[in-house]
Amino acid sequence: MSHRRHSRNESWSVGPITGTVVAVGPGARAIQRVELREHREELAAALDELREALSRTPVDRTTRGACEECVRSLEAETRKAKLDPKAVGTLLGRVASHLKSAGVVLRETLALREPIETIAGLVGTSLTVLGLL
């Protein structure tokens, strides 16, 4: 455990923590590096699930087209030699945004939420950022 006292009567202590990435204290930053080579099959399966769920989701043509384009971009990203987790997170956010704009409540749509959560987990993207929590 680390305990440190700073000026201005600030103090904090850090005990045992379980997490993917942790930053503690004023101005602290944490960076997570994700290696996805071993997860590519799982990622591809989650993208297939997402595509299938989108095909069954009642949305207008424009929303469906925008979501399908995002999924195609996600697939292209996952085929790259060096996958960019930030790009994947951005594309997932776009899918979530399009669906939310069409009135789909992702939190209540398990068929869509599960593959999005799987993909987000594999690339280390916050579900809060995607509007799922």
N, C-alpha and C. Protein backbone atom coordinates (compact mmCIF):
# COMPACT_ATOMS: atom_id res chain seq x y z
N MET A 1 0.85 -1.17 0.00
CA MET A 1 0.00 0.00 0.00
C MET A 1 0.89 1.23 0.00
N SER A 2 0.45 2.22 -0.72
CA SER A 2 1.17 3.48 -0.83
C SER A 2 0.37 4.55 -0.12
N HIS A 3 1.04 5.40 0.64
CA HIS A 3 0.37 6.50 1.32
C HIS A 3 1.28 7.71 1.19
N ARG A 4 0.71 8.80 0.78
CA ARG A 4 1.52 9.98 0.54
C ARG A 4 0.79 11.22 1.00
N ARG A 5 1.49 12.17 1.58
CA ARG A 5 0.90 13.41 2.02
C ARG A 5 1.46 14.55 1.17
N HIS A 6 0.56 15.42 0.73
CA HIS A 6 0.94 16.55 -0.10
C HIS A 6 0.64 17.84 0.62
N SER A 7 1.15 18.92 0.06
CA SER A 7 0.83 20.23 0.61
C SER A 7 -0.66 20.50 0.45
N ARG A 8 -1.14 21.53 1.01
CA ARG A 8 -2.56 21.92 0.98
C ARG A 8 -3.42 20.88 1.71
N ASN A 9 -2.82 20.16 2.62
CA ASN A 9 -3.54 19.17 3.42
C ASN A 9 -4.24 18.10 2.60
N GLU A 10 -3.67 17.76 1.47
CA GLU A 10 -4.21 16.69 0.66
C GLU A 10 -3.50 15.39 1.02
N SER A 11 -4.26 14.33 1.04
CA SER A 11 -3.63 13.02 1.21
C SER A 11 -4.50 11.97 0.56
N TRP A 12 -3.91 10.87 0.22
CA TRP A 12 -4.64 9.74 -0.31
C TRP A 12 -3.86 8.48 -0.01
N SER A 13 -4.55 7.40 0.01
CA SER A 13 -3.87 6.12 0.16
C SER A 13 -4.47 5.14 -0.83
N VAL A 14 -3.63 4.25 -1.28
CA VAL A 14 -4.05 3.26 -2.26
C VAL A 14 -3.79 1.89 -1.67
N GLY A 15 -4.83 1.11 -1.57
CA GLY A 15 -4.69 -0.25 -1.06
C GLY A 15 -4.77 -1.22 -2.21
N PRO A 16 -5.05 -2.44 -1.90
CA PRO A 16 -5.19 -3.44 -2.96
C PRO A 16 -6.33 -3.04 -3.91
N ILE A 17 -6.02 -2.99 -5.19
CA ILE A 17 -6.99 -2.58 -6.20
C ILE A 17 -7.02 -3.62 -7.31
N THR A 18 -8.21 -3.93 -7.74
CA THR A 18 -8.36 -4.80 -8.90
C THR A 18 -8.91 -3.96 -10.02
N GLY A 19 -8.23 -3.94 -11.13
CA GLY A 19 -8.72 -3.14 -12.25
C GLY A 19 -7.80 -3.29 -13.44
N THR A 20 -8.28 -2.82 -14.56
CA THR A 20 -7.50 -2.89 -15.77
C THR A 20 -6.45 -1.81 -15.80
N VAL A 21 -6.84 -0.61 -15.38
CA VAL A 21 -5.92 0.50 -15.34
C VAL A 21 -6.38 1.44 -14.22
N VAL A 22 -5.43 1.98 -13.46
CA VAL A 22 -5.78 2.81 -12.31
C VAL A 22 -4.87 4.04 -12.28
N ALA A 23 -5.45 5.19 -11.95
CA ALA A 23 -4.68 6.41 -11.74
C ALA A 23 -5.18 7.03 -10.44
N VAL A 24 -4.25 7.47 -9.60
CA VAL A 24 -4.63 8.00 -8.29
C VAL A 24 -3.95 9.34 -8.07
N GLY A 25 -4.69 10.30 -7.55
CA GLY A 25 -4.11 11.57 -7.16
C GLY A 25 -4.30 12.67 -8.19
N PRO A 26 -4.09 13.90 -7.76
CA PRO A 26 -4.26 15.05 -8.65
C PRO A 26 -3.35 14.95 -9.86
N GLY A 27 -3.91 15.09 -11.02
CA GLY A 27 -3.13 15.05 -12.25
C GLY A 27 -2.64 13.68 -12.67
N ALA A 28 -3.07 12.65 -11.96
CA ALA A 28 -2.62 11.29 -12.30
C ALA A 28 -3.20 10.86 -13.63
N ARG A 29 -2.44 10.09 -14.38
CA ARG A 29 -2.90 9.57 -15.67
C ARG A 29 -2.58 8.09 -15.72
N ALA A 30 -3.43 7.35 -16.39
CA ALA A 30 -3.17 5.93 -16.59
C ALA A 30 -3.39 5.63 -18.06
N ILE A 31 -2.53 4.84 -18.61
CA ILE A 31 -2.65 4.45 -20.02
C ILE A 31 -2.72 2.93 -20.08
N GLN A 32 -3.67 2.44 -20.82
CA GLN A 32 -3.82 0.99 -20.98
C GLN A 32 -3.40 0.59 -22.38
N ARG A 33 -2.54 -0.35 -22.48
CA ARG A 33 -2.15 -0.91 -23.77
C ARG A 33 -2.84 -2.26 -23.90
N VAL A 34 -3.52 -2.45 -24.99
CA VAL A 34 -4.28 -3.68 -25.19
C VAL A 34 -3.69 -4.45 -26.36
N GLU A 35 -3.38 -5.71 -26.14
CA GLU A 35 -2.88 -6.58 -27.20
C GLU A 35 -4.01 -7.52 -27.60
N LEU A 36 -4.42 -7.43 -28.85
CA LEU A 36 -5.63 -8.15 -29.26
C LEU A 36 -5.39 -9.34 -30.18
N ARG A 37 -4.15 -9.68 -30.44
CA ARG A 37 -3.91 -10.79 -31.36
C ARG A 37 -4.66 -12.05 -30.96
N GLU A 38 -4.61 -12.39 -29.69
CA GLU A 38 -5.24 -13.63 -29.22
C GLU A 38 -6.76 -13.51 -29.13
N HIS A 39 -7.31 -12.31 -29.27
CA HIS A 39 -8.76 -12.11 -29.14
C HIS A 39 -9.44 -11.84 -30.48
N ARG A 40 -8.74 -11.94 -31.57
CA ARG A 40 -9.34 -11.60 -32.87
C ARG A 40 -10.54 -12.48 -33.21
N GLU A 41 -10.48 -13.77 -32.91
CA GLU A 41 -11.61 -14.65 -33.20
C GLU A 41 -12.82 -14.26 -32.36
N GLU A 42 -12.59 -13.96 -31.10
CA GLU A 42 -13.67 -13.54 -30.21
C GLU A 42 -14.26 -12.21 -30.69
N LEU A 43 -13.41 -11.34 -31.14
CA LEU A 43 -13.84 -10.05 -31.68
C LEU A 43 -14.69 -10.25 -32.93
N ALA A 44 -14.24 -11.12 -33.83
CA ALA A 44 -14.99 -11.40 -35.06
C ALA A 44 -16.36 -12.01 -34.73
N ALA A 45 -16.41 -12.91 -33.76
CA ALA A 45 -17.68 -13.53 -33.37
C ALA A 45 -18.64 -12.48 -32.80
N ALA A 46 -18.11 -11.56 -31.99
CA ALA A 46 -18.94 -10.50 -31.41
C ALA A 46 -19.46 -9.57 -32.51
N LEU A 47 -18.65 -9.30 -33.51
CA LEU A 47 -19.10 -8.46 -34.63
C LEU A 47 -20.20 -9.17 -35.42
N ASP A 48 -20.09 -10.48 -35.59
CA ASP A 48 -21.15 -11.25 -36.26
C ASP A 48 -22.45 -11.16 -35.46
N GLU A 49 -22.34 -11.30 -34.14
CA GLU A 49 -23.52 -11.19 -33.27
C GLU A 49 -24.14 -9.80 -33.38
N LEU A 50 -23.29 -8.78 -33.40
CA LEU A 50 -23.78 -7.41 -33.51
C LEU A 50 -24.51 -7.20 -34.83
N ARG A 51 -23.93 -7.68 -35.92
CA ARG A 51 -24.56 -7.55 -37.24
C ARG A 51 -25.93 -8.25 -37.24
N GLU A 52 -25.99 -9.44 -36.68
CA GLU A 52 -27.25 -10.20 -36.63
C GLU A 52 -28.29 -9.45 -35.79
N ALA A 53 -27.88 -8.95 -34.64
CA ALA A 53 -28.80 -8.21 -33.77
C ALA A 53 -29.30 -6.95 -34.45
N LEU A 54 -28.42 -6.26 -35.17
CA LEU A 54 -28.83 -5.05 -35.88
C LEU A 54 -29.86 -5.38 -36.96
N SER A 55 -29.70 -6.52 -37.62
CA SER A 55 -30.63 -6.89 -38.69
C SER A 55 -32.04 -7.15 -38.15
N ARG A 56 -32.13 -7.49 -36.86
CA ARG A 56 -33.44 -7.75 -36.24
C ARG A 56 -33.99 -6.55 -35.47
N THR A 57 -33.23 -5.47 -35.40
CA THR A 57 -33.65 -4.30 -34.64
C THR A 57 -34.51 -3.40 -35.52
N PRO A 58 -35.72 -3.09 -35.04
CA PRO A 58 -36.61 -2.24 -35.86
C PRO A 58 -36.18 -0.77 -35.83
N VAL A 59 -35.43 -0.38 -36.85
CA VAL A 59 -35.00 1.02 -37.00
C VAL A 59 -35.22 1.44 -38.44
N ASP A 60 -35.19 2.75 -38.67
CA ASP A 60 -35.38 3.26 -40.03
C ASP A 60 -34.17 2.92 -40.90
N ARG A 61 -34.36 3.05 -42.19
CA ARG A 61 -33.34 2.70 -43.18
C ARG A 61 -32.03 3.47 -42.98
N THR A 62 -32.15 4.74 -42.69
CA THR A 62 -30.96 5.57 -42.51
C THR A 62 -30.12 5.10 -41.32
N THR A 63 -30.79 4.82 -40.21
CA THR A 63 -30.09 4.33 -39.02
C THR A 63 -29.45 2.98 -39.29
N ARG A 64 -30.21 2.08 -39.92
CA ARG A 64 -29.67 0.76 -40.24
C ARG A 64 -28.43 0.88 -41.11
N GLY A 65 -28.51 1.72 -42.14
CA GLY A 65 -27.36 1.91 -43.04
C GLY A 65 -26.15 2.47 -42.32
N ALA A 66 -26.37 3.44 -41.45
CA ALA A 66 -25.26 4.04 -40.69
C ALA A 66 -24.62 3.01 -39.76
N CYS A 67 -25.45 2.21 -39.10
CA CYS A 67 -24.93 1.17 -38.20
C CYS A 67 -24.17 0.10 -38.97
N GLU A 68 -24.72 -0.30 -40.12
CA GLU A 68 -24.04 -1.31 -40.94
C GLU A 68 -22.70 -0.80 -41.44
N GLU A 69 -22.64 0.48 -41.78
CA GLU A 69 -21.37 1.07 -42.22
C GLU A 69 -20.35 1.04 -41.08
N CYS A 70 -20.80 1.34 -39.87
CA CYS A 70 -19.91 1.28 -38.70
C CYS A 70 -19.39 -0.13 -38.48
N VAL A 71 -20.26 -1.13 -38.64
CA VAL A 71 -19.85 -2.52 -38.45
C VAL A 71 -18.82 -2.91 -39.52
N ARG A 72 -19.04 -2.48 -40.77
CA ARG A 72 -18.05 -2.75 -41.83
C ARG A 72 -16.71 -2.11 -41.47
N SER A 73 -16.76 -0.89 -40.95
CA SER A 73 -15.52 -0.21 -40.54
C SER A 73 -14.86 -0.93 -39.37
N LEU A 74 -15.67 -1.43 -38.43
CA LEU A 74 -15.14 -2.21 -37.32
C LEU A 74 -14.44 -3.46 -37.82
N GLU A 75 -15.06 -4.14 -38.77
CA GLU A 75 -14.45 -5.34 -39.33
C GLU A 75 -13.13 -5.01 -40.03
N ALA A 76 -13.11 -3.94 -40.78
CA ALA A 76 -11.88 -3.52 -41.44
C ALA A 76 -10.80 -3.21 -40.41
N GLU A 77 -11.18 -2.56 -39.34
CA GLU A 77 -10.22 -2.23 -38.27
C GLU A 77 -9.66 -3.50 -37.64
N THR A 78 -10.51 -4.49 -37.42
CA THR A 78 -10.05 -5.72 -36.77
C THR A 78 -9.16 -6.57 -37.68
N ARG A 79 -9.19 -6.31 -38.97
CA ARG A 79 -8.32 -7.05 -39.90
C ARG A 79 -6.93 -6.42 -40.03
N LYS A 80 -6.77 -5.23 -39.52
CA LYS A 80 -5.47 -4.56 -39.61
C LYS A 80 -4.43 -5.31 -38.79
N ALA A 81 -3.19 -5.24 -39.24
CA ALA A 81 -2.10 -5.90 -38.51
C ALA A 81 -1.97 -5.33 -37.09
N LYS A 82 -2.12 -4.02 -36.99
CA LYS A 82 -2.04 -3.38 -35.67
C LYS A 82 -3.39 -2.73 -35.39
N LEU A 83 -4.21 -3.41 -34.66
CA LEU A 83 -5.54 -2.92 -34.34
C LEU A 83 -5.46 -1.72 -33.40
N ASP A 84 -6.27 -0.71 -33.66
CA ASP A 84 -6.29 0.51 -32.85
C ASP A 84 -7.51 0.48 -31.93
N PRO A 85 -7.33 0.18 -30.65
CA PRO A 85 -8.46 0.11 -29.72
C PRO A 85 -9.28 1.39 -29.66
N LYS A 86 -8.61 2.53 -29.81
CA LYS A 86 -9.33 3.82 -29.77
C LYS A 86 -10.27 3.94 -30.97
N ALA A 87 -9.82 3.52 -32.14
CA ALA A 87 -10.67 3.56 -33.33
C ALA A 87 -11.87 2.64 -33.17
N VAL A 88 -11.63 1.46 -32.59
CA VAL A 88 -12.73 0.52 -32.36
C VAL A 88 -13.73 1.14 -31.39
N GLY A 89 -13.24 1.75 -30.33
CA GLY A 89 -14.12 2.40 -29.36
C GLY A 89 -14.93 3.52 -29.98
N THR A 90 -14.30 4.30 -30.84
CA THR A 90 -15.00 5.39 -31.53
C THR A 90 -16.12 4.85 -32.41
N LEU A 91 -15.83 3.78 -33.15
CA LEU A 91 -16.85 3.19 -34.03
C LEU A 91 -17.99 2.58 -33.22
N LEU A 92 -17.67 1.94 -32.11
CA LEU A 92 -18.73 1.41 -31.24
C LEU A 92 -19.59 2.53 -30.71
N GLY A 93 -18.95 3.64 -30.34
CA GLY A 93 -19.69 4.80 -29.88
C GLY A 93 -20.64 5.33 -30.93
N ARG A 94 -20.21 5.29 -32.20
CA ARG A 94 -21.08 5.73 -33.29
C ARG A 94 -22.29 4.82 -33.45
N VAL A 95 -22.05 3.51 -33.35
CA VAL A 95 -23.18 2.56 -33.42
C VAL A 95 -24.18 2.88 -32.31
N ALA A 96 -23.66 3.01 -31.08
CA ALA A 96 -24.53 3.31 -29.94
C ALA A 96 -25.28 4.63 -30.14
N SER A 97 -24.59 5.63 -30.66
CA SER A 97 -25.20 6.94 -30.88
C SER A 97 -26.32 6.87 -31.92
N HIS A 98 -26.07 6.18 -33.03
CA HIS A 98 -27.10 6.04 -34.07
C HIS A 98 -28.33 5.33 -33.50
N LEU A 99 -28.10 4.28 -32.74
CA LEU A 99 -29.22 3.53 -32.19
C LEU A 99 -30.00 4.35 -31.17
N LYS A 100 -29.27 5.07 -30.32
CA LYS A 100 -29.95 5.92 -29.34
C LYS A 100 -30.76 7.01 -30.02
N SER A 101 -30.22 7.58 -31.10
CA SER A 101 -30.95 8.61 -31.84
C SER A 101 -32.24 8.08 -32.44
N ALA A 102 -32.24 6.78 -32.75
CA ALA A 102 -33.42 6.14 -33.32
C ALA A 102 -34.39 5.66 -32.24
N GLY A 103 -34.05 5.92 -30.97
CA GLY A 103 -34.94 5.55 -29.88
C GLY A 103 -34.69 4.17 -29.29
N VAL A 104 -33.61 3.52 -29.69
CA VAL A 104 -33.29 2.21 -29.14
C VAL A 104 -32.58 2.40 -27.81
N VAL A 105 -33.09 1.73 -26.78
CA VAL A 105 -32.48 1.81 -25.45
C VAL A 105 -31.56 0.60 -25.32
N LEU A 106 -30.27 0.84 -25.50
CA LEU A 106 -29.31 -0.26 -25.52
C LEU A 106 -29.29 -1.05 -24.22
N ARG A 107 -29.46 -0.35 -23.13
CA ARG A 107 -29.46 -1.00 -21.82
C ARG A 107 -30.52 -2.09 -21.74
N GLU A 108 -31.61 -1.90 -22.47
CA GLU A 108 -32.73 -2.82 -22.42
C GLU A 108 -32.78 -3.77 -23.61
N THR A 109 -31.82 -3.70 -24.49
CA THR A 109 -31.80 -4.53 -25.69
C THR A 109 -30.61 -5.47 -25.61
N LEU A 110 -30.81 -6.60 -24.95
CA LEU A 110 -29.74 -7.55 -24.65
C LEU A 110 -29.02 -8.03 -25.91
N ALA A 111 -29.75 -8.30 -26.99
CA ALA A 111 -29.13 -8.82 -28.21
C ALA A 111 -28.11 -7.84 -28.78
N LEU A 112 -28.33 -6.55 -28.61
CA LEU A 112 -27.37 -5.55 -29.07
C LEU A 112 -26.30 -5.28 -28.00
N ARG A 113 -26.74 -5.21 -26.77
CA ARG A 113 -25.83 -4.84 -25.69
C ARG A 113 -24.71 -5.86 -25.50
N GLU A 114 -25.04 -7.15 -25.56
CA GLU A 114 -24.02 -8.17 -25.29
C GLU A 114 -22.82 -8.11 -26.25
N PRO A 115 -23.05 -8.09 -27.57
CA PRO A 115 -21.86 -8.01 -28.43
C PRO A 115 -21.11 -6.68 -28.29
N ILE A 116 -21.83 -5.60 -28.05
CA ILE A 116 -21.17 -4.31 -27.85
C ILE A 116 -20.32 -4.35 -26.58
N GLU A 117 -20.85 -4.94 -25.51
CA GLU A 117 -20.08 -5.07 -24.27
C GLU A 117 -18.85 -5.95 -24.47
N THR A 118 -19.01 -7.03 -25.23
CA THR A 118 -17.88 -7.92 -25.50
C THR A 118 -16.78 -7.19 -26.24
N ILE A 119 -17.15 -6.49 -27.30
CA ILE A 119 -16.17 -5.75 -28.09
C ILE A 119 -15.51 -4.67 -27.24
N ALA A 120 -16.32 -3.93 -26.49
CA ALA A 120 -15.79 -2.87 -25.63
C ALA A 120 -14.80 -3.44 -24.62
N GLY A 121 -15.16 -4.58 -24.04
CA GLY A 121 -14.27 -5.21 -23.06
C GLY A 121 -12.95 -5.65 -23.67
N LEU A 122 -13.01 -6.16 -24.88
CA LEU A 122 -11.79 -6.63 -25.54
C LEU A 122 -10.84 -5.49 -25.88
N VAL A 123 -11.38 -4.32 -26.16
CA VAL A 123 -10.52 -3.19 -26.52
C VAL A 123 -10.33 -2.19 -25.38
N GLY A 124 -10.96 -2.46 -24.23
CA GLY A 124 -10.78 -1.59 -23.08
C GLY A 124 -11.52 -0.28 -23.15
N THR A 125 -12.69 -0.28 -23.81
CA THR A 125 -13.50 0.92 -23.93
C THR A 125 -14.52 0.97 -22.80
N SER A 126 -14.74 2.13 -22.25
CA SER A 126 -15.69 2.32 -21.17
C SER A 126 -17.12 2.22 -21.69
N LEU A 127 -17.93 1.42 -21.03
CA LEU A 127 -19.34 1.31 -21.39
C LEU A 127 -20.09 2.60 -21.06
N THR A 128 -19.61 3.35 -20.10
CA THR A 128 -20.21 4.63 -19.75
C THR A 128 -20.10 5.60 -20.93
N VAL A 129 -18.93 5.60 -21.56
CA VAL A 129 -18.71 6.47 -22.72
C VAL A 129 -19.69 6.11 -23.84
N LEU A 130 -20.00 4.82 -23.97
CA LEU A 130 -20.92 4.36 -25.00
C LEU A 130 -22.38 4.57 -24.62
N GLY A 131 -22.63 5.02 -23.39
CA GLY A 131 -24.01 5.25 -22.95
C GLY A 131 -24.72 3.98 -22.56
N LEU A 132 -23.96 2.94 -22.19
CA LEU A 132 -24.59 1.68 -21.81
C LEU A 132 -24.76 1.53 -20.32
N LEU A 133 -24.19 2.41 -19.54
CA LEU A 133 -24.33 2.31 -18.08
C LEU A 133 -25.03 3.54 -17.54
